[in-house]
């Protein structure tokens, strides 16, 4: 039986600097292009029922289908 859960995906490029409490965007130059670190996570009232998450990234990414660890 498949259920639909009330959760949603959140993404952010911001990281909290523990030293001063400020948020910054993390990126670096790689092969002439800016590369950003983006974090994806899920949240919602039914989160305890999630066993794993599979992300489908753009086809230009290496390994565009990625599965997170079992929760």
Protein backbone atom coordinates (compact mmCIF):
# COMPACT_ATOMS: atom_id res chain seq x y z
CA UNK A 1 0.00 0.00 0.00
CA UNK A 2 1.39 3.39 -0.96
CA UNK A 3 0.61 6.48 1.15
CA UNK A 4 0.94 10.15 0.42
CA UNK A 5 2.73 11.95 3.23
CA UNK A 6 2.45 15.59 4.20
CA UNK A 7 6.11 16.59 3.85
CA UNK A 8 7.96 19.04 1.64
CA UNK A 9 11.49 19.55 0.34
CA UNK A 10 13.45 22.57 1.49
CA UNK A 11 16.66 23.74 -0.14
CA UNK A 12 19.14 26.36 0.92
CA UNK A 13 22.53 27.63 -0.15
CA UNK A 14 22.96 29.43 3.19
CA UNK A 15 25.12 28.07 5.99
CA UNK A 16 25.25 29.39 9.52
CA UNK A 17 28.73 30.37 10.69
CA UNK A 18 28.91 29.20 14.32
CA UNK A 19 31.64 31.72 15.15
CA UNK A 20 29.56 34.85 14.52
CA UNK A 21 26.02 33.54 13.87
CA UNK A 22 25.92 35.03 10.36
CA UNK A 23 24.60 33.16 7.34
CA UNK A 24 26.82 32.92 4.27
CA UNK A 25 26.59 31.35 0.84
CA UNK A 26 29.26 28.74 0.25
CA UNK A 27 30.70 28.52 -3.24
CA UNK A 28 34.00 28.09 -5.02
CA UNK A 29 35.40 28.45 -8.52
CA UNK A 30 35.97 25.18 -10.34
CA UNK A 31 37.07 25.00 -13.97
CA UNK A 32 36.01 28.61 -14.53
CA UNK A 33 32.51 28.18 -13.08
CA UNK A 34 30.98 29.01 -9.70
CA UNK A 35 30.06 25.85 -7.78
CA UNK A 36 27.56 26.30 -4.95
CA UNK A 37 26.94 24.00 -2.01
CA UNK A 38 23.20 23.52 -1.63
CA UNK A 39 21.60 21.54 1.15
CA UNK A 40 18.33 19.69 0.64
CA UNK A 41 16.18 18.41 3.45
CA UNK A 42 12.60 17.44 4.11
CA UNK A 43 10.27 18.53 6.86
CA UNK A 44 6.65 18.02 7.83
CA UNK A 45 4.36 16.50 10.44
CA UNK A 46 4.67 12.97 9.03
CA UNK A 47 8.45 12.93 8.82
CA UNK A 48 8.73 9.94 11.22
CA UNK A 49 7.11 7.76 8.51
CA UNK A 50 9.78 8.51 5.88
CA UNK A 51 12.24 5.65 5.41
CA UNK A 52 14.39 7.09 2.60
CA UNK A 53 14.48 9.86 0.02
CA UNK A 54 15.46 9.72 -3.66
CA UNK A 55 16.48 12.95 -5.39
CA UNK A 56 16.39 13.35 -9.18
CA UNK A 57 18.85 16.06 -10.15
CA UNK A 58 19.28 17.66 -13.56
CA UNK A 59 20.65 15.21 -16.14
CA UNK A 60 23.91 17.22 -16.41
CA UNK A 61 24.90 16.14 -12.88
CA UNK A 62 27.06 13.08 -12.42
CA UNK A 63 24.78 10.38 -10.97
CA UNK A 64 21.58 12.44 -11.40
CA UNK A 65 19.47 9.99 -9.36
CA UNK A 66 20.65 9.85 -5.76
CA UNK A 67 19.17 8.03 -2.83
CA UNK A 68 19.75 9.24 0.71
CA UNK A 69 20.62 6.90 3.56
CA UNK A 70 17.94 4.81 5.23
CA UNK A 71 16.44 6.74 8.12
